[in-house]
Amino acid sequence: MELTREHFRAIIYHNFRRGLSQNKCLSELVSIYDVEAPSQTTIYRWYAEFRRGCVSLSTVYSPGRLRIAVTPENIAAVRTIILGDRHVTYEQILAVISIGMTAV
């Protein structure tokens, strides 16, 4: 059985609730899962989130580029536009490929 990020997050949360330190949590996960265990940075980050009261174990929305913005079709379209006119504006690119301003 392959563990997902959510599974590891649940295990880290369980260790957090048990009162284990971050280092003990890391050593326990490494002893059980070896190279598949999350990194020290991941464990420290999730402990910090749990201390702040964020206990959601599902994938958390992270701001940034939308998945639909980076597609082979959009990349090819932007490349064609830029090669045709190197002084093209963001607005002109947006009009052609129909994605939001934050995705450009």
PDB file of N, CA and C in Angstrom:
ATOM      1  N   MET A   1       0.844  -1.180   0.000  1.00  0.00           N
ATOM      2  CA  MET A   1       0.000   0.000   0.000  1.00  0.00           C
ATOM      3  C   MET A   1       0.886   1.239   0.000  1.00  0.00           C
ATOM      4  N   GLU A   2       0.650   2.089  -0.959  1.00  0.00           N
ATOM      5  CA  GLU A   2       1.415   3.318  -1.038  1.00  0.00           C
ATOM      6  C   GLU A   2       0.686   4.417  -0.266  1.00  0.00           C
ATOM      7  N   LEU A   3       1.428   5.094   0.593  1.00  0.00           N
ATOM      8  CA  LEU A   3       0.824   6.148   1.399  1.00  0.00           C
ATOM      9  C   LEU A   3       0.859   7.472   0.648  1.00  0.00           C
ATOM     10  N   THR A   4      -0.231   8.212   0.739  1.00  0.00           N
ATOM     11  CA  THR A   4      -0.317   9.520   0.110  1.00  0.00           C
ATOM     12  C   THR A   4       0.123  10.585   1.110  1.00  0.00           C
ATOM     13  N   ARG A   5       0.176  11.815   0.634  1.00  0.00           N
ATOM     14  CA  ARG A   5       0.523  12.934   1.517  1.00  0.00           C
ATOM     15  C   ARG A   5      -0.458  13.040   2.674  1.00  0.00           C
ATOM     16  N   GLU A   6      -1.737  12.822   2.361  1.00  0.00           N
ATOM     17  CA  GLU A   6      -2.757  12.924   3.405  1.00  0.00           C
ATOM     18  C   GLU A   6      -2.553  11.864   4.483  1.00  0.00           C
ATOM     19  N   HIS A   7      -2.139  10.660   4.076  1.00  0.00           N
ATOM     20  CA  HIS A   7      -1.874   9.610   5.063  1.00  0.00           C
ATOM     21  C   HIS A   7      -0.724  10.016   5.983  1.00  0.00           C
ATOM     22  N   PHE A   8       0.370  10.501   5.392  1.00  0.00           N
ATOM     23  CA  PHE A   8       1.501  10.926   6.212  1.00  0.00           C
ATOM     24  C   PHE A   8       1.113  12.100   7.105  1.00  0.00           C
ATOM     25  N   ARG A   9       0.296  13.017   6.572  1.00  0.00           N
ATOM     26  CA  ARG A   9      -0.161  14.150   7.374  1.00  0.00           C
ATOM     27  C   ARG A   9      -0.958  13.668   8.579  1.00  0.00           C
ATOM     28  N   ALA A  10      -1.784  12.653   8.380  1.00  0.00           N
ATOM     29  CA  ALA A  10      -2.567  12.092   9.488  1.00  0.00           C
ATOM     30  C   ALA A  10      -1.653  11.446  10.520  1.00  0.00           C
ATOM     31  N   ILE A  11      -0.622  10.759  10.064  1.00  0.00           N
ATOM     32  CA  ILE A  11       0.329  10.135  10.991  1.00  0.00           C
ATOM     33  C   ILE A  11       1.080  11.208  11.769  1.00  0.00           C
ATOM     34  N   ILE A  12       1.503  12.261  11.074  1.00  0.00           N
ATOM     35  CA  ILE A  12       2.206  13.365  11.742  1.00  0.00           C
ATOM     36  C   ILE A  12       1.282  14.019  12.764  1.00  0.00           C
ATOM     37  N   TYR A  13       0.014  14.217  12.400  1.00  0.00           N
ATOM     38  CA  TYR A  13      -0.944  14.812  13.334  1.00  0.00           C
ATOM     39  C   TYR A  13      -1.144  13.911  14.553  1.00  0.00           C
ATOM     40  N   HIS A  14      -1.218  12.621  14.325  1.00  0.00           N
ATOM     41  CA  HIS A  14      -1.361  11.669  15.436  1.00  0.00           C
ATOM     42  C   HIS A  14      -0.162  11.781  16.379  1.00  0.00           C
ATOM     43  N   ASN A  15       1.036  11.841  15.816  1.00  0.00           N
ATOM     44  CA  ASN A  15       2.235  11.984  16.646  1.00  0.00           C
ATOM     45  C   ASN A  15       2.245  13.324  17.375  1.00  0.00           C
ATOM     46  N   PHE A  16       1.761  14.366  16.719  1.00  0.00           N
ATOM     47  CA  PHE A  16       1.648  15.680  17.353  1.00  0.00           C
ATOM     48  C   PHE A  16       0.717  15.609  18.558  1.00  0.00           C
ATOM     49  N   ARG A  17      -0.447  14.963  18.371  1.00  0.00           N
ATOM     50  CA  ARG A  17      -1.419  14.831  19.464  1.00  0.00           C
ATOM     51  C   ARG A  17      -0.894  13.944  20.593  1.00  0.00           C
ATOM     52  N   ARG A  18      -0.033  12.978  20.260  1.00  0.00           N
ATOM     53  CA  ARG A  18       0.571  12.117  21.280  1.00  0.00           C
ATOM     54  C   ARG A  18       1.604  12.865  22.108  1.00  0.00           C
ATOM     55  N   GLY A  19       2.014  14.040  21.636  1.00  0.00           N
ATOM     56  CA  GLY A  19       2.992  14.828  22.360  1.00  0.00           C
ATOM     57  C   GLY A  19       4.429  14.532  21.965  1.00  0.00           C
ATOM     58  N   LEU A  20       4.612  13.815  20.857  1.00  0.00           N
ATOM     59  CA  LEU A  20       5.972  13.534  20.401  1.00  0.00           C
ATOM     60  C   LEU A  20       6.610  14.810  19.876  1.00  0.00           C
ATOM     61  N   SER A  21       7.897  14.945  20.100  1.00  0.00           N
ATOM     62  CA  SER A  21       8.613  16.083  19.533  1.00  0.00           C
ATOM     63  C   SER A  21       8.759  15.870  18.032  1.00  0.00           C
ATOM     64  N   GLN A  22       9.139  16.912  17.346  1.00  0.00           N
ATOM     65  CA  GLN A  22       9.313  16.817  15.899  1.00  0.00           C
ATOM     66  C   GLN A  22      10.407  15.814  15.548  1.00  0.00           C
ATOM     67  N   ASN A  23      11.503  15.832  16.305  1.00  0.00           N
ATOM     68  CA  ASN A  23      12.604  14.906  16.033  1.00  0.00           C
ATOM     69  C   ASN A  23      12.200  13.463  16.292  1.00  0.00           C
ATOM     70  N   LYS A  24      11.436  13.226  17.355  1.00  0.00           N
ATOM     71  CA  LYS A  24      10.982  11.861  17.639  1.00  0.00           C
ATOM     72  C   LYS A  24      10.004  11.391  16.569  1.00  0.00           C
ATOM     73  N   CYS A  25       9.158  12.292  16.108  1.00  0.00           N
ATOM     74  CA  CYS A  25       8.227  11.961  15.028  1.00  0.00           C
ATOM     75  C   CYS A  25       9.010  11.578  13.776  1.00  0.00           C
ATOM     76  N   LEU A  26      10.025  12.360  13.454  1.00  0.00           N
ATOM     77  CA  LEU A  26      10.845  12.075  12.280  1.00  0.00           C
ATOM     78  C   LEU A  26      11.541  10.732  12.408  1.00  0.00           C
ATOM     79  N   SER A  27      12.170  10.482  13.550  1.00  0.00           N
ATOM     80  CA  SER A  27      12.896   9.219  13.717  1.00  0.00           C
ATOM     81  C   SER A  27      11.947   8.027  13.668  1.00  0.00           C
ATOM     82  N   GLU A  28      10.739   8.186  14.212  1.00  0.00           N
ATOM     83  CA  GLU A  28       9.757   7.100  14.158  1.00  0.00           C
ATOM     84  C   GLU A  28       9.327   6.818  12.719  1.00  0.00           C
ATOM     85  N   LEU A  29       9.053   7.878  11.965  1.00  0.00           N
ATOM     86  CA  LEU A  29       8.633   7.696  10.575  1.00  0.00           C
ATOM     87  C   LEU A  29       9.751   7.099   9.719  1.00  0.00           C
ATOM     88  N   VAL A  30      10.975   7.539   9.945  1.00  0.00           N
ATOM     89  CA  VAL A  30      12.105   6.998   9.183  1.00  0.00           C
ATOM     90  C   VAL A  30      12.337   5.540   9.536  1.00  0.00           C
ATOM     91  N   SER A  31      12.187   5.189  10.813  1.00  0.00           N
ATOM     92  CA  SER A  31      12.398   3.790  11.204  1.00  0.00           C
ATOM     93  C   SER A  31      11.337   2.873  10.600  1.00  0.00           C
ATOM     94  N   ILE A  32      10.145   3.400  10.381  1.00  0.00           N
ATOM     95  CA  ILE A  32       9.067   2.581   9.819  1.00  0.00           C
ATOM     96  C   ILE A  32       9.062   2.622   8.290  1.00  0.00           C
ATOM     97  N   TYR A  33       9.173   3.821   7.706  1.00  0.00           N
ATOM     98  CA  TYR A  33       8.984   3.980   6.261  1.00  0.00           C
ATOM     99  C   TYR A  33      10.279   4.201   5.487  1.00  0.00           C
ATOM    100  N   ASP A  34      11.403   4.319   6.168  1.00  0.00           N
ATOM    101  CA  ASP A  34      12.717   4.487   5.556  1.00  0.00           C
ATOM    102  C   ASP A  34      12.709   5.672   4.583  1.00  0.00           C
ATOM    103  N   VAL A  35      13.035   5.454   3.322  1.00  0.00           N
ATOM    104  CA  VAL A  35      13.172   6.563   2.373  1.00  0.00           C
ATOM    105  C   VAL A  35      11.835   7.160   1.940  1.00  0.00           C
ATOM    106  N   GLU A  36      10.748   6.475   2.197  1.00  0.00           N
ATOM    107  CA  GLU A  36       9.428   7.002   1.834  1.00  0.00           C
ATOM    108  C   GLU A  36       8.907   8.005   2.864  1.00  0.00           C
ATOM    109  N   ALA A  37       9.572   8.114   4.000  1.00  0.00           N
ATOM    110  CA  ALA A  37       9.124   9.021   5.060  1.00  0.00           C
ATOM    111  C   ALA A  37       9.246  10.471   4.601  1.00  0.00           C
ATOM    112  N   PRO A  38       8.364  11.339   5.085  1.00  0.00           N
ATOM    113  CA  PRO A  38       8.464  12.762   4.746  1.00  0.00           C
ATOM    114  C   PRO A  38       9.766  13.353   5.279  1.00  0.00           C
ATOM    115  N   SER A  39      10.189  14.439   4.691  1.00  0.00           N
ATOM    116  CA  SER A  39      11.429  15.090   5.103  1.00  0.00           C
ATOM    117  C   SER A  39      11.251  15.806   6.443  1.00  0.00           C
ATOM    118  N   GLN A  40      12.371  16.170   7.033  1.00  0.00           N
ATOM    119  CA  GLN A  40      12.349  16.895   8.303  1.00  0.00           C
ATOM    120  C   GLN A  40      11.616  18.224   8.133  1.00  0.00           C
ATOM    121  N   THR A  41      11.863  18.893   7.025  1.00  0.00           N
ATOM    122  CA  THR A  41      11.209  20.173   6.764  1.00  0.00           C
ATOM    123  C   THR A  41       9.695  20.023   6.714  1.00  0.00           C
ATOM    124  N   THR A  42       9.223  18.965   6.067  1.00  0.00           N
ATOM    125  CA  THR A  42       7.782  18.718   5.976  1.00  0.00           C
ATOM    126  C   THR A  42       7.181  18.511   7.355  1.00  0.00           C
ATOM    127  N   ILE A  43       7.847  17.711   8.166  1.00  0.00           N
ATOM    128  CA  ILE A  43       7.346  17.442   9.517  1.00  0.00           C
ATOM    129  C   ILE A  43       7.333  18.721  10.337  1.00  0.00           C
ATOM    130  N   TYR A  44       8.395  19.514  10.288  1.00  0.00           N
ATOM    131  CA  TYR A  44       8.442  20.768  11.035  1.00  0.00           C
ATOM    132  C   TYR A  44       7.339  21.720  10.566  1.00  0.00           C
ATOM    133  N   ARG A  45       7.118  21.786   9.250  1.00  0.00           N
ATOM    134  CA  ARG A  45       6.084  22.683   8.719  1.00  0.00           C
ATOM    135  C   ARG A  45       4.703  22.266   9.207  1.00  0.00           C
ATOM    136  N   TRP A  46       4.419  20.950   9.205  1.00  0.00           N
ATOM    137  CA  TRP A  46       3.108  20.498   9.644  1.00  0.00           C
ATOM    138  C   TRP A  46       2.923  20.653  11.143  1.00  0.00           C
ATOM    139  N   TYR A  47       3.968  20.467  11.930  1.00  0.00           N
ATOM    140  CA  TYR A  47       3.863  20.729  13.365  1.00  0.00           C
ATOM    141  C   TYR A  47       3.508  22.200  13.596  1.00  0.00           C
ATOM    142  N   ALA A  48       4.138  23.093  12.839  1.00  0.00           N
ATOM    143  CA  ALA A  48       3.836  24.523  12.975  1.00  0.00           C
ATOM    144  C   ALA A  48       2.379  24.804  12.605  1.00  0.00           C
ATOM    145  N   GLU A  49       1.886  24.168  11.544  1.00  0.00           N
ATOM    146  CA  GLU A  49       0.479  24.339  11.151  1.00  0.00           C
ATOM    147  C   GLU A  49      -0.456  23.838  12.252  1.00  0.00           C
ATOM    148  N   PHE A  50      -0.149  22.686  12.822  1.00  0.00           N
ATOM    149  CA  PHE A  50      -1.000  22.124  13.872  1.00  0.00           C
ATOM    150  C   PHE A  50      -0.982  23.014  15.113  1.00  0.00           C
ATOM    151  N   ARG A  51       0.162  23.603  15.434  1.00  0.00           N
ATOM    152  CA  ARG A  51       0.238  24.515  16.585  1.00  0.00           C
ATOM    153  C   ARG A  51      -0.628  25.752  16.361  1.00  0.00           C
ATOM    154  N   ARG A  52      -0.733  26.187  15.102  1.00  0.00           N
ATOM    155  CA  ARG A  52      -1.565  27.358  14.777  1.00  0.00           C
ATOM    156  C   ARG A  52      -3.043  27.026  14.769  1.00  0.00           C
ATOM    157  N   GLY A  53      -3.368  25.753  14.895  1.00  0.00           N
ATOM    158  CA  GLY A  53      -4.767  25.354  14.939  1.00  0.00           C
ATOM    159  C   GLY A  53      -5.309  24.824  13.629  1.00  0.00           C
ATOM    160  N   CYS A  54      -4.499  24.779  12.606  1.00  0.00           N
ATOM    161  CA  CYS A  54      -4.930  24.247  11.310  1.00  0.00           C
ATOM    162  C   CYS A  54      -4.764  22.735  11.340  1.00  0.00           C
ATOM    163  N   VAL A  55      -5.877  22.021  11.451  1.00  0.00           N
ATOM    164  CA  VAL A  55      -5.806  20.564  11.563  1.00  0.00           C
ATOM    165  C   VAL A  55      -6.408  19.863  10.352  1.00  0.00           C
ATOM    166  N   SER A  56      -6.597  20.588   9.266  1.00  0.00           N
ATOM    167  CA  SER A  56      -7.129  19.972   8.051  1.00  0.00           C
ATOM    168  C   SER A  56      -6.094  19.007   7.487  1.00  0.00           C
ATOM    169  N   LEU A  57      -6.522  17.784   7.221  1.00  0.00           N
ATOM    170  CA  LEU A  57      -5.606  16.778   6.702  1.00  0.00           C
ATOM    171  C   LEU A  57      -5.700  16.640   5.193  1.00  0.00           C
ATOM    172  N   SER A  58      -6.637  17.345   4.583  1.00  0.00           N
ATOM    173  CA  SER A  58      -6.762  17.276   3.127  1.00  0.00           C
ATOM    174  C   SER A  58      -5.770  18.240   2.493  1.00  0.00           C
ATOM    175  N   THR A  59      -5.643  18.132   1.195  1.00  0.00           N
ATOM    176  CA  THR A  59      -4.734  19.001   0.476  1.00  0.00           C
ATOM    177  C   THR A  59      -5.192  20.438   0.643  1.00  0.00           C
ATOM    178  N   VAL A  60      -4.287  21.273   1.055  1.00  0.00           N
ATOM    179  CA  VAL A  60      -4.594  22.665   1.333  1.00  0.00           C
ATOM    180  C   VAL A  60      -4.401  23.470   0.055  1.00  0.00           C
ATOM    181  N   TYR A  61      -5.338  24.391  -0.201  1.00  0.00           N
ATOM    182  CA  TYR A  61      -5.210  25.269  -1.356  1.00  0.00           C
ATOM    183  C   TYR A  61      -3.976  26.125  -1.178  1.00  0.00           C
ATOM    184  N   SER A  62      -3.158  26.162  -2.198  1.00  0.00           N
ATOM    185  CA  SER A  62      -2.000  27.044  -2.153  1.00  0.00           C
ATOM    186  C   SER A  62      -2.109  28.033  -3.304  1.00  0.00           C
ATOM    187  N   PRO A  63      -1.951  29.311  -2.988  1.00  0.00           N
ATOM    188  CA  PRO A  63      -2.060  30.299  -4.047  1.00  0.00           C
ATOM    189  C   PRO A  63      -0.934  30.122  -5.050  1.00  0.00           C
ATOM    190  N   GLY A  64      -1.186  30.483  -6.244  1.00  0.00           N
ATOM    191  CA  GLY A  64      -0.160  30.358  -7.273  1.00  0.00           C
ATOM    192  C   GLY A  64      -0.792  30.102  -8.620  1.00  0.00           C
ATOM    193  N   ARG A  65       0.016  29.629  -9.505  1.00  0.00           N
ATOM    194  CA  ARG A  65      -0.425  29.395 -10.869  1.00  0.00           C
ATOM    195  C   ARG A  65      -1.441  28.265 -10.927  1.00  0.00           C
ATOM    196  N   LEU A  66      -2.523  28.475 -11.638  1.00  0.00           N
ATOM    197  CA  LEU A  66      -3.543  27.455 -11.799  1.00  0.00           C
ATOM    198  C   LEU A  66      -3.018  26.328 -12.678  1.00  0.00           C
ATOM    199  N   ARG A  67      -3.468  25.125 -12.404  1.00  0.00           N
ATOM    200  CA  ARG A  67      -3.034  23.979 -13.204  1.00  0.00           C
ATOM    201  C   ARG A  67      -3.437  24.119 -14.668  1.00  0.00           C
ATOM    202  N   ILE A  68      -4.581  24.757 -14.923  1.00  0.00           N
ATOM    203  CA  ILE A  68      -5.037  24.879 -16.307  1.00  0.00           C
ATOM    204  C   ILE A  68      -4.214  25.891 -17.086  1.00  0.00           C
ATOM    205  N   ALA A  69      -3.442  26.736 -16.408  1.00  0.00           N
ATOM    206  CA  ALA A  69      -2.671  27.758 -17.097  1.00  0.00           C
ATOM    207  C   ALA A  69      -1.463  27.164 -17.800  1.00  0.00           C
ATOM    208  N   VAL A  70      -0.860  26.145 -17.219  1.00  0.00           N
ATOM    209  CA  VAL A  70       0.351  25.572 -17.788  1.00  0.00           C
ATOM    210  C   VAL A  70      -0.011  24.274 -18.500  1.00  0.00           C
ATOM    211  N   THR A  71      -0.372  24.418 -19.745  1.00  0.00           N
ATOM    212  CA  THR A  71      -0.678  23.262 -20.583  1.00  0.00           C
ATOM    213  C   THR A  71       0.176  23.374 -21.839  1.00  0.00           C
ATOM    214  N   PRO A  72       0.446  22.278 -22.494  1.00  0.00           N
ATOM    215  CA  PRO A  72       1.239  22.357 -23.727  1.00  0.00           C
ATOM    216  C   PRO A  72       0.627  23.307 -24.765  1.00  0.00           C
ATOM    217  N   GLU A  73      -0.704  23.339 -24.828  1.00  0.00           N
ATOM    218  CA  GLU A  73      -1.361  24.218 -25.795  1.00  0.00           C
ATOM    219  C   GLU A  73      -1.120  25.687 -25.450  1.00  0.00           C
ATOM    220  N   ASN A  74      -1.256  26.031 -24.170  1.00  0.00           N
ATOM    221  CA  ASN A  74      -1.040  27.424 -23.756  1.00  0.00           C
ATOM    222  C   ASN A  74       0.414  27.830 -23.938  1.00  0.00           C
ATOM    223  N   ILE A  75       1.329  26.937 -23.631  1.00  0.00           N
ATOM    224  CA  ILE A  75       2.753  27.237 -23.800  1.00  0.00           C
ATOM    225  C   ILE A  75       3.057  27.500 -25.270  1.00  0.00           C
ATOM    226  N   ALA A  76       2.540  26.636 -26.143  1.00  0.00           N
ATOM    227  CA  ALA A  76       2.767  26.811 -27.582  1.00  0.00           C
ATOM    228  C   ALA A  76       2.146  28.110 -28.079  1.00  0.00           C
ATOM    229  N   ALA A  77       0.941  28.432 -27.596  1.00  0.00           N
ATOM    230  CA  ALA A  77       0.262  29.656 -28.026  1.00  0.00           C
ATOM    231  C   ALA A  77       1.043  30.896 -27.598  1.00  0.00           C
ATOM    232  N   VAL A  78       1.508  30.924 -26.357  1.00  0.00           N
ATOM    233  CA  VAL A  78       2.267  32.079 -25.867  1.00  0.00           C
ATOM    234  C   VAL A  78       3.586  32.197 -26.620  1.00  0.00           C
ATOM    235  N   ARG A  79       4.238  31.078 -26.863  1.00  0.00           N
ATOM    236  CA  ARG A  79       5.503  31.095 -27.603  1.00  0.00           C
ATOM    237  C   ARG A  79       5.291  31.673 -29.008  1.00  0.00           C
ATOM    238  N   THR A  80       4.229  31.248 -29.672  1.00  0.00           N
ATOM    239  CA  THR A  80       3.932  31.747 -31.018  1.00  0.00           C
ATOM    240  C   THR A  80       3.665  33.248 -30.994  1.00  0.00           C
ATOM    241  N   ILE A  81       2.908  33.693 -30.017  1.00  0.00           N
ATOM    242  CA  ILE A  81       2.595  35.124 -29.900  1.00  0.00           C
ATOM    243  C   ILE A  81       3.868  35.931 -29.691  1.00  0.00           C
ATOM    244  N   ILE A  82       4.721  35.480 -28.787  1.00  0.00           N
ATOM    245  CA  ILE A  82       5.939  36.229 -28.460  1.00  0.00           C
ATOM    246  C   ILE A  82       6.919  36.217 -29.627  1.00  0.00           C
ATOM    247  N   LEU A  83       7.036  35.087 -30.320  1.00  0.00           N
ATOM    248  CA  LEU A  83       7.932  35.037 -31.478  1.00  0.00           C
ATOM    249  C   LEU A  83       7.442  35.945 -32.604  1.00  0.00           C
ATOM    250  N   GLY A  84       6.140  36.128 -32.699  1.00  0.00           N
ATOM    251  CA  GLY A  84       5.577  37.014 -33.718  1.00  0.00           C
ATOM    252  C   GLY A  84       5.777  38.484 -33.393  1.00  0.00           C
ATOM    253  N   ASP A  85       5.698  38.836 -32.116  1.00  0.00           N
ATOM    254  CA  ASP A  85       5.850  40.230 -31.687  1.00  0.00           C
ATOM    255  C   ASP A  85       6.451  40.228 -30.291  1.00  0.00           C
ATOM    256  N   ARG A  86       7.715  40.597 -30.197  1.00  0.00           N
ATOM    257  CA  ARG A  86       8.407  40.548 -28.908  1.00  0.00           C
ATOM    258  C   ARG A  86       7.927  41.627 -27.942  1.00  0.00           C
ATOM    259  N   HIS A  87       7.155  42.560 -28.433  1.00  0.00           N
ATOM    260  CA  HIS A  87       6.659  43.649 -27.584  1.00  0.00           C
ATOM    261  C   HIS A  87       5.187  43.468 -27.241  1.00  0.00           C
ATOM    262  N   VAL A  88       4.715  42.244 -27.288  1.00  0.00           N
ATOM    263  CA  VAL A  88       3.323  41.946 -26.990  1.00  0.00           C
ATOM    264  C   VAL A  88       3.051  42.224 -25.503  1.00  0.00           C
ATOM    265  N   THR A  89       1.844  42.653 -25.188  1.00  0.00           N
ATOM    266  CA  THR A  89       1.493  42.954 -23.800  1.00  0.00           C
ATOM    267  C   THR A  89       0.758  41.776 -23.169  1.00  0.00           C
ATOM    268  N   TYR A  90       0.687  41.800 -21.848  1.00  0.00           N
ATOM    269  CA  TYR A  90      -0.058  40.770 -21.126  1.00  0.00           C
ATOM    270  C   TYR A  90      -1.511  40.723 -21.589  1.00  0.00           C
ATOM    271  N   GLU A  91      -2.091  41.888 -21.779  1.00  0.00           N
ATOM    272  CA  GLU A  91      -3.491  41.950 -22.184  1.00  0.00           C
ATOM    273  C   GLU A  91      -3.715  41.262 -23.528  1.00  0.00           C
ATOM    274  N   GLN A  92      -2.773  41.433 -24.456  1.00  0.00           N
ATOM    275  CA  GLN A  92      -2.897  40.786 -25.759  1.00  0.00           C
ATOM    276  C   GLN A  92      -2.783  39.266 -25.627  1.00  0.00           C
ATOM    277  N   ILE A  93      -1.888  38.806 -24.778  1.00  0.00           N
ATOM    278  CA  ILE A  93      -1.748  37.362 -24.548  1.00  0.00           C
ATOM    279  C   ILE A  93      -3.020  36.820 -23.913  1.00  0.00           C
ATOM    280  N   LEU A  94      -3.544  37.533 -22.929  1.00  0.00           N
ATOM    281  CA  LEU A  94      -4.775  37.101 -22.262  1.00  0.00           C
ATOM    282  C   LEU A  94      -5.939  36.987 -23.238  1.00  0.00           C
ATOM    283  N   ALA A  95      -6.015  37.930 -24.158  1.00  0.00           N
ATOM    284  CA  ALA A  95      -7.110  37.918 -25.128  1.00  0.00           C
ATOM    285  C   ALA A  95      -7.035  36.692 -26.036  1.00  0.00           C
ATOM    286  N   VAL A  96      -5.836  36.250 -26.344  1.00  0.00           N
ATOM    287  CA  VAL A  96      -5.673  35.120 -27.258  1.00  0.00           C
ATOM    288  C   VAL A  96      -5.908  33.784 -26.565  1.00  0.00           C
ATOM    289  N   ILE A  97      -5.359  33.606 -25.363  1.00  0.00           N
ATOM    290  CA  ILE A  97      -5.445  32.275 -24.740  1.00  0.00           C
ATOM    291  C   ILE A  97      -6.506  32.162 -23.656  1.00  0.00           C
ATOM    292  N   SER A  98      -7.163  33.235 -23.304  1.00  0.00           N
ATOM    293  CA  SER A  98      -8.298  33.219 -22.371  1.00  0.00           C
ATOM    294  C   SER A  98      -7.988  32.602 -21.012  1.00  0.00           C
ATOM    295  N   ILE A  99      -6.961  33.134 -20.351  1.00  0.00           N
ATOM    296  CA  ILE A  99      -6.687  32.744 -18.965  1.00  0.00           C
ATOM    297  C   ILE A  99      -6.577  34.008 -18.138  1.00  0.00           C
ATOM    298  N   GLY A 100      -6.633  33.857 -16.817  1.00  0.00           N
ATOM    299  CA  GLY A 100      -6.598  35.005 -15.926  1.00  0.00           C
ATOM    300  C   GLY A 100      -5.242  35.683 -15.883  1.00  0.00           C
ATOM    301  N   MET A 101      -5.234  36.942 -15.435  1.00  0.00           N
ATOM    302  CA  MET A 101      -4.008  37.734 -15.366  1.00  0.00           C
ATOM    303  C   MET A 101      -2.966  37.095 -14.461  1.00  0.00           C
ATOM    304  N   THR A 102      -3.382  36.446 -13.377  1.00  0.00           N
ATOM    305  CA  THR A 102      -2.416  35.853 -12.452  1.00  0.00           C
ATOM    306  C   THR A 102      -1.745  34.630 -13.035  1.00  0.00           C
ATOM    307  N   ALA A 103      -2.303  34.062 -14.081  1.00  0.00           N
ATOM    308  CA  ALA A 103      -1.738  32.855 -14.675  1.00  0.00           C
ATOM    309  C   ALA A 103      -0.671  33.156 -15.715  1.00  0.00           C
ATOM    310  N   VAL A 104      -0.538  34.414 -16.124  1.00  0.00           N
ATOM    311  CA  VAL A 104       0.434  34.762 -17.165  1.00  0.00           C
ATOM    312  C   VAL A 104       1.793  34.920 -16.548  1.00  0.00           C
TER     313      VAL A 104
END
